[in-house]
Amino acid sequence: MKLGYARCSTLDQNLDWQIDALTKEGCDRIFQEKFTGTRKYRPELLRMMDMFREGDTVIICELTRLSR
């Protein structure tokens, strides 16, 4: 399964370009949230990690979307 993760840092920013890119990559499920990368608790990232199984692929648009 392909799992996608999209994040932006503020509520004013928009996730559309990331969601479009992840959809084009064929992600079966896309997790998205609006939290700064320095914040330790990100519920959607944790949900994705809980769902991740051997053989799955995680796709992100930029490394900075996953962490800082």
PDB file of N, CA and C in Angstrom:
ATOM      1  N   MET A   1       0.853  -1.171   0.000  1.00  0.00           N
ATOM      2  CA  MET A   1       0.000   0.000   0.000  1.00  0.00           C
ATOM      3  C   MET A   1       0.903   1.239   0.000  1.00  0.00           C
ATOM      4  N   LYS A   2       0.487   2.248  -0.708  1.00  0.00           N
ATOM      5  CA  LYS A   2       1.195   3.531  -0.723  1.00  0.00           C
ATOM      6  C   LYS A   2       0.483   4.494   0.213  1.00  0.00           C
ATOM      7  N   LEU A   3       1.229   4.982   1.199  1.00  0.00           N
ATOM      8  CA  LEU A   3       0.695   5.935   2.162  1.00  0.00           C
ATOM      9  C   LEU A   3       1.348   7.291   1.911  1.00  0.00           C
ATOM     10  N   GLY A   4       0.560   8.327   1.795  1.00  0.00           N
ATOM     11  CA  GLY A   4       1.077   9.665   1.574  1.00  0.00           C
ATOM     12  C   GLY A   4       0.919  10.520   2.810  1.00  0.00           C
ATOM     13  N   TYR A   5       1.863  11.439   2.998  1.00  0.00           N
ATOM     14  CA  TYR A   5       1.795  12.357   4.130  1.00  0.00           C
ATOM     15  C   TYR A   5       2.013  13.780   3.636  1.00  0.00           C
ATOM     16  N   ALA A   6       1.047  14.645   3.929  1.00  0.00           N
ATOM     17  CA  ALA A   6       1.120  16.057   3.543  1.00  0.00           C
ATOM     18  C   ALA A   6       1.006  16.904   4.798  1.00  0.00           C
ATOM     19  N   ARG A   7       1.863  17.926   4.880  1.00  0.00           N
ATOM     20  CA  ARG A   7       1.830  18.814   6.042  1.00  0.00           C
ATOM     21  C   ARG A   7       2.201  20.222   5.615  1.00  0.00           C
ATOM     22  N   CYS A   8       1.526  21.179   6.206  1.00  0.00           N
ATOM     23  CA  CYS A   8       1.957  22.571   6.082  1.00  0.00           C
ATOM     24  C   CYS A   8       2.035  23.139   7.487  1.00  0.00           C
ATOM     25  N   SER A   9       2.741  24.242   7.621  1.00  0.00           N
ATOM     26  CA  SER A   9       3.093  24.751   8.945  1.00  0.00           C
ATOM     27  C   SER A   9       2.035  25.609   9.618  1.00  0.00           C
ATOM     28  N   THR A  10       1.167  26.220   8.844  1.00  0.00           N
ATOM     29  CA  THR A  10       0.171  27.107   9.442  1.00  0.00           C
ATOM     30  C   THR A  10      -1.202  26.851   8.848  1.00  0.00           C
ATOM     31  N   LEU A  11      -2.218  27.313   9.553  1.00  0.00           N
ATOM     32  CA  LEU A  11      -3.592  27.153   9.070  1.00  0.00           C
ATOM     33  C   LEU A  11      -3.845  27.955   7.804  1.00  0.00           C
ATOM     34  N   ASP A  12      -3.065  29.021   7.583  1.00  0.00           N
ATOM     35  CA  ASP A  12      -3.242  29.860   6.399  1.00  0.00           C
ATOM     36  C   ASP A  12      -2.697  29.213   5.130  1.00  0.00           C
ATOM     37  N   GLN A  13      -1.760  28.285   5.277  1.00  0.00           N
ATOM     38  CA  GLN A  13      -1.181  27.632   4.104  1.00  0.00           C
ATOM     39  C   GLN A  13      -2.125  26.551   3.598  1.00  0.00           C
ATOM     40  N   ASN A  14      -1.865  26.122   2.367  1.00  0.00           N
ATOM     41  CA  ASN A  14      -2.776  25.159   1.764  1.00  0.00           C
ATOM     42  C   ASN A  14      -2.030  23.914   1.302  1.00  0.00           C
ATOM     43  N   LEU A  15      -2.693  22.796   1.429  1.00  0.00           N
ATOM     44  CA  LEU A  15      -2.105  21.485   1.146  1.00  0.00           C
ATOM     45  C   LEU A  15      -2.379  20.989  -0.270  1.00  0.00           C
ATOM     46  N   ASP A  16      -3.077  21.767  -1.073  1.00  0.00           N
ATOM     47  CA  ASP A  16      -3.548  21.292  -2.377  1.00  0.00           C
ATOM     48  C   ASP A  16      -2.449  20.727  -3.264  1.00  0.00           C
ATOM     49  N   TRP A  17      -1.315  21.430  -3.391  1.00  0.00           N
ATOM     50  CA  TRP A  17      -0.269  20.953  -4.306  1.00  0.00           C
ATOM     51  C   TRP A  17       0.312  19.616  -3.831  1.00  0.00           C
ATOM     52  N   GLN A  18       0.408  19.442  -2.507  1.00  0.00           N
ATOM     53  CA  GLN A  18       0.927  18.181  -1.984  1.00  0.00           C
ATOM     54  C   GLN A  18      -0.061  17.046  -2.202  1.00  0.00           C
ATOM     55  N   ILE A  19      -1.325  17.317  -1.948  1.00  0.00           N
ATOM     56  CA  ILE A  19      -2.348  16.289  -2.136  1.00  0.00           C
ATOM     57  C   ILE A  19      -2.448  15.900  -3.607  1.00  0.00           C
ATOM     58  N   ASP A  20      -2.364  16.874  -4.506  1.00  0.00           N
ATOM     59  CA  ASP A  20      -2.375  16.583  -5.942  1.00  0.00           C
ATOM     60  C   ASP A  20      -1.199  15.686  -6.318  1.00  0.00           C
ATOM     61  N   ALA A  21       0.002  16.007  -5.827  1.00  0.00           N
ATOM     62  CA  ALA A  21       1.193  15.220  -6.145  1.00  0.00           C
ATOM     63  C   ALA A  21       1.084  13.803  -5.581  1.00  0.00           C
ATOM     64  N   LEU A  22       0.585  13.667  -4.359  1.00  0.00           N
ATOM     65  CA  LEU A  22       0.449  12.345  -3.746  1.00  0.00           C
ATOM     66  C   LEU A  22      -0.608  11.514  -4.460  1.00  0.00           C
ATOM     67  N   THR A  23      -1.655  12.157  -4.906  1.00  0.00           N
ATOM     68  CA  THR A  23      -2.696  11.461  -5.668  1.00  0.00           C
ATOM     69  C   THR A  23      -2.132  10.960  -6.995  1.00  0.00           C
ATOM     70  N   LYS A  24      -1.354  11.799  -7.682  1.00  0.00           N
ATOM     71  CA  LYS A  24      -0.736  11.396  -8.952  1.00  0.00           C
ATOM     72  C   LYS A  24       0.239  10.240  -8.764  1.00  0.00           C
ATOM     73  N   GLU A  25       0.860  10.144  -7.586  1.00  0.00           N
ATOM     74  CA  GLU A  25       1.778   9.042  -7.283  1.00  0.00           C
ATOM     75  C   GLU A  25       1.034   7.751  -6.968  1.00  0.00           C
ATOM     76  N   GLY A  26      -0.287   7.835  -6.854  1.00  0.00           N
ATOM     77  CA  GLY A  26      -1.092   6.642  -6.623  1.00  0.00           C
ATOM     78  C   GLY A  26      -1.232   6.240  -5.169  1.00  0.00           C
ATOM     79  N   CYS A  27      -1.153   7.204  -4.261  1.00  0.00           N
ATOM     80  CA  CYS A  27      -1.303   6.890  -2.840  1.00  0.00           C
ATOM     81  C   CYS A  27      -2.702   6.341  -2.565  1.00  0.00           C
ATOM     82  N   ASP A  28      -2.740   5.254  -1.807  1.00  0.00           N
ATOM     83  CA  ASP A  28      -4.009   4.648  -1.415  1.00  0.00           C
ATOM     84  C   ASP A  28      -4.666   5.419  -0.272  1.00  0.00           C
ATOM     85  N   ARG A  29      -3.844   6.032   0.544  1.00  0.00           N
ATOM     86  CA  ARG A  29      -4.341   6.804   1.691  1.00  0.00           C
ATOM     87  C   ARG A  29      -3.424   8.000   1.889  1.00  0.00           C
ATOM     88  N   ILE A  30      -3.986   9.168   2.108  1.00  0.00           N
ATOM     89  CA  ILE A  30      -3.209  10.379   2.328  1.00  0.00           C
ATOM     90  C   ILE A  30      -3.558  10.945   3.700  1.00  0.00           C
ATOM     91  N   PHE A  31      -2.542  11.125   4.515  1.00  0.00           N
ATOM     92  CA  PHE A  31      -2.680  11.715   5.840  1.00  0.00           C
ATOM     93  C   PHE A  31      -2.238  13.173   5.731  1.00  0.00           C
ATOM     94  N   GLN A  32      -3.007  14.064   6.304  1.00  0.00           N
ATOM     95  CA  GLN A  32      -2.688  15.487   6.162  1.00  0.00           C
ATOM     96  C   GLN A  32      -2.936  16.234   7.469  1.00  0.00           C
ATOM     97  N   GLU A  33      -2.090  17.219   7.713  1.00  0.00           N
ATOM     98  CA  GLU A  33      -2.273  18.048   8.897  1.00  0.00           C
ATOM     99  C   GLU A  33      -1.571  19.382   8.741  1.00  0.00           C
ATOM    100  N   LYS A  34      -1.954  20.299   9.610  1.00  0.00           N
ATOM    101  CA  LYS A  34      -1.382  21.651   9.600  1.00  0.00           C
ATOM    102  C   LYS A  34      -0.769  21.915  10.966  1.00  0.00           C
ATOM    103  N   PHE A  35       0.503  21.519  11.087  1.00  0.00           N
ATOM    104  CA  PHE A  35       1.276  21.713  12.307  1.00  0.00           C
ATOM    105  C   PHE A  35       2.694  22.066  11.909  1.00  0.00           C
ATOM    106  N   THR A  36       3.360  22.857  12.713  1.00  0.00           N
ATOM    107  CA  THR A  36       4.758  23.151  12.462  1.00  0.00           C
ATOM    108  C   THR A  36       5.596  21.865  12.584  1.00  0.00           C
ATOM    109  N   GLY A  37       6.647  21.778  11.804  1.00  0.00           N
ATOM    110  CA  GLY A  37       7.507  20.598  11.823  1.00  0.00           C
ATOM    111  C   GLY A  37       8.277  20.429  13.110  1.00  0.00           C
ATOM    112  N   THR A  38       8.361  21.480  13.913  1.00  0.00           N
ATOM    113  CA  THR A  38       9.075  21.383  15.182  1.00  0.00           C
ATOM    114  C   THR A  38       8.194  20.822  16.292  1.00  0.00           C
ATOM    115  N   ARG A  39       6.918  20.730  16.037  1.00  0.00           N
ATOM    116  CA  ARG A  39       6.001  20.194  17.040  1.00  0.00           C
ATOM    117  C   ARG A  39       6.164  18.675  17.117  1.00  0.00           C
ATOM    118  N   LYS A  40       6.335  18.158  18.297  1.00  0.00           N
ATOM    119  CA  LYS A  40       6.603  16.731  18.462  1.00  0.00           C
ATOM    120  C   LYS A  40       5.363  15.872  18.261  1.00  0.00           C
ATOM    121  N   TYR A  41       4.212  16.336  18.691  1.00  0.00           N
ATOM    122  CA  TYR A  41       2.995  15.536  18.582  1.00  0.00           C
ATOM    123  C   TYR A  41       2.233  15.924  17.325  1.00  0.00           C
ATOM    124  N   ARG A  42       2.215  15.014  16.358  1.00  0.00           N
ATOM    125  CA  ARG A  42       1.447  15.212  15.133  1.00  0.00           C
ATOM    126  C   ARG A  42       0.578  13.979  14.937  1.00  0.00           C
ATOM    127  N   PRO A  43      -0.705  14.082  15.279  1.00  0.00           N
ATOM    128  CA  PRO A  43      -1.592  12.914  15.311  1.00  0.00           C
ATOM    129  C   PRO A  43      -1.707  12.168  13.978  1.00  0.00           C
ATOM    130  N   GLU A  44      -1.736  12.876  12.856  1.00  0.00           N
ATOM    131  CA  GLU A  44      -1.873  12.184  11.569  1.00  0.00           C
ATOM    132  C   GLU A  44      -0.596  11.432  11.196  1.00  0.00           C
ATOM    133  N   LEU A  45       0.557  11.988  11.538  1.00  0.00           N
ATOM    134  CA  LEU A  45       1.815  11.279  11.310  1.00  0.00           C
ATOM    135  C   LEU A  45       1.847  10.004  12.150  1.00  0.00           C
ATOM    136  N   LEU A  46       1.427  10.093  13.400  1.00  0.00           N
ATOM    137  CA  LEU A  46       1.371   8.909  14.258  1.00  0.00           C
ATOM    138  C   LEU A  46       0.372   7.885  13.738  1.00  0.00           C
ATOM    139  N   ARG A  47      -0.763   8.352  13.241  1.00  0.00           N
ATOM    140  CA  ARG A  47      -1.774   7.448  12.677  1.00  0.00           C
ATOM    141  C   ARG A  47      -1.207   6.715  11.464  1.00  0.00           C
ATOM    142  N   MET A  48      -0.463   7.440  10.619  1.00  0.00           N
ATOM    143  CA  MET A  48       0.149   6.819   9.446  1.00  0.00           C
ATOM    144  C   MET A  48       1.180   5.775   9.870  1.00  0.00           C
ATOM    145  N   MET A  49       1.988   6.111  10.856  1.00  0.00           N
ATOM    146  CA  MET A  49       3.012   5.180  11.315  1.00  0.00           C
ATOM    147  C   MET A  49       2.381   3.922  11.912  1.00  0.00           C
ATOM    148  N   ASP A  50       1.250   4.066  12.590  1.00  0.00           N
ATOM    149  CA  ASP A  50       0.540   2.905  13.139  1.00  0.00           C
ATOM    150  C   ASP A  50      -0.027   2.015  12.035  1.00  0.00           C
ATOM    151  N   MET A  51      -0.415   2.619  10.940  1.00  0.00           N
ATOM    152  CA  MET A  51      -1.011   1.874   9.831  1.00  0.00           C
ATOM    153  C   MET A  51       0.039   1.197   8.950  1.00  0.00           C
ATOM    154  N   PHE A  52       1.260   1.719   8.973  1.00  0.00           N
ATOM    155  CA  PHE A  52       2.335   1.244   8.116  1.00  0.00           C
ATOM    156  C   PHE A  52       2.671  -0.225   8.422  1.00  0.00           C
ATOM    157  N   ARG A  53       2.772  -1.030   7.353  1.00  0.00           N
ATOM    158  CA  ARG A  53       3.114  -2.447   7.472  1.00  0.00           C
ATOM    159  C   ARG A  53       4.275  -2.776   6.546  1.00  0.00           C
ATOM    160  N   GLU A  54       4.928  -3.894   6.800  1.00  0.00           N
ATOM    161  CA  GLU A  54       6.030  -4.333   5.945  1.00  0.00           C
ATOM    162  C   GLU A  54       5.562  -4.396   4.497  1.00  0.00           C
ATOM    163  N   GLY A  55       6.356  -3.836   3.610  1.00  0.00           N
ATOM    164  CA  GLY A  55       6.015  -3.798   2.195  1.00  0.00           C
ATOM    165  C   GLY A  55       5.322  -2.519   1.758  1.00  0.00           C
ATOM    166  N   ASP A  56       4.835  -1.729   2.706  1.00  0.00           N
ATOM    167  CA  ASP A  56       4.193  -0.451   2.381  1.00  0.00           C
ATOM    168  C   ASP A  56       5.251   0.578   1.997  1.00  0.00           C
ATOM    169  N   THR A  57       4.810   1.612   1.316  1.00  0.00           N
ATOM    170  CA  THR A  57       5.680   2.719   0.919  1.00  0.00           C
ATOM    171  C   THR A  57       5.077   4.020   1.419  1.00  0.00           C
ATOM    172  N   VAL A  58       5.920   4.856   2.039  1.00  0.00           N
ATOM    173  CA  VAL A  58       5.488   6.189   2.461  1.00  0.00           C
ATOM    174  C   VAL A  58       6.014   7.185   1.437  1.00  0.00           C
ATOM    175  N   ILE A  59       5.133   8.047   0.962  1.00  0.00           N
ATOM    176  CA  ILE A  59       5.497   9.047  -0.033  1.00  0.00           C
ATOM    177  C   ILE A  59       5.232  10.433   0.551  1.00  0.00           C
ATOM    178  N   ILE A  60       6.242  11.300   0.434  1.00  0.00           N
ATOM    179  CA  ILE A  60       6.117  12.699   0.844  1.00  0.00           C
ATOM    180  C   ILE A  60       6.613  13.561  -0.303  1.00  0.00           C
ATOM    181  N   CYS A  61       6.175  14.796  -0.355  1.00  0.00           N
ATOM    182  CA  CYS A  61       6.585  15.690  -1.446  1.00  0.00           C
ATOM    183  C   CYS A  61       7.953  16.300  -1.199  1.00  0.00           C
ATOM    184  N   GLU A  62       8.274  16.581   0.043  1.00  0.00           N
ATOM    185  CA  GLU A  62       9.552  17.170   0.428  1.00  0.00           C
ATOM    186  C   GLU A  62       9.943  16.587   1.779  1.00  0.00           C
ATOM    187  N   LEU A  63      11.218  16.376   1.980  1.00  0.00           N
ATOM    188  CA  LEU A  63      11.689  15.831   3.247  1.00  0.00           C
ATOM    189  C   LEU A  63      11.289  16.706   4.428  1.00  0.00           C
ATOM    190  N   THR A  64      11.222  18.005   4.222  1.00  0.00           N
ATOM    191  CA  THR A  64      10.846  18.922   5.302  1.00  0.00           C
ATOM    192  C   THR A  64       9.389  18.729   5.746  1.00  0.00           C
ATOM    193  N   ARG A  65       8.558  18.075   4.934  1.00  0.00           N
ATOM    194  CA  ARG A  65       7.175  17.829   5.330  1.00  0.00           C
ATOM    195  C   ARG A  65       7.121  16.765   6.418  1.00  0.00           C
ATOM    196  N   LEU A  66       8.103  15.879   6.428  1.00  0.00           N
ATOM    197  CA  LEU A  66       8.125  14.807   7.421  1.00  0.00           C
ATOM    198  C   LEU A  66       8.720  15.267   8.741  1.00  0.00           C
ATOM    199  N   SER A  67       9.789  16.055   8.681  1.00  0.00           N
ATOM    200  CA  SER A  67      10.428  16.517   9.917  1.00  0.00           C
ATOM    201  C   SER A  67      11.300  17.728   9.647  1.00  0.00           C
ATOM    202  N   ARG A  68      11.814  18.288  10.685  1.00  0.00           N
ATOM    203  CA  ARG A  68      12.757  19.403  10.614  1.00  0.00           C
ATOM    204  C   ARG A  68      14.006  19.007  11.345  1.00  0.00           C
TER     205      ARG A  68
END
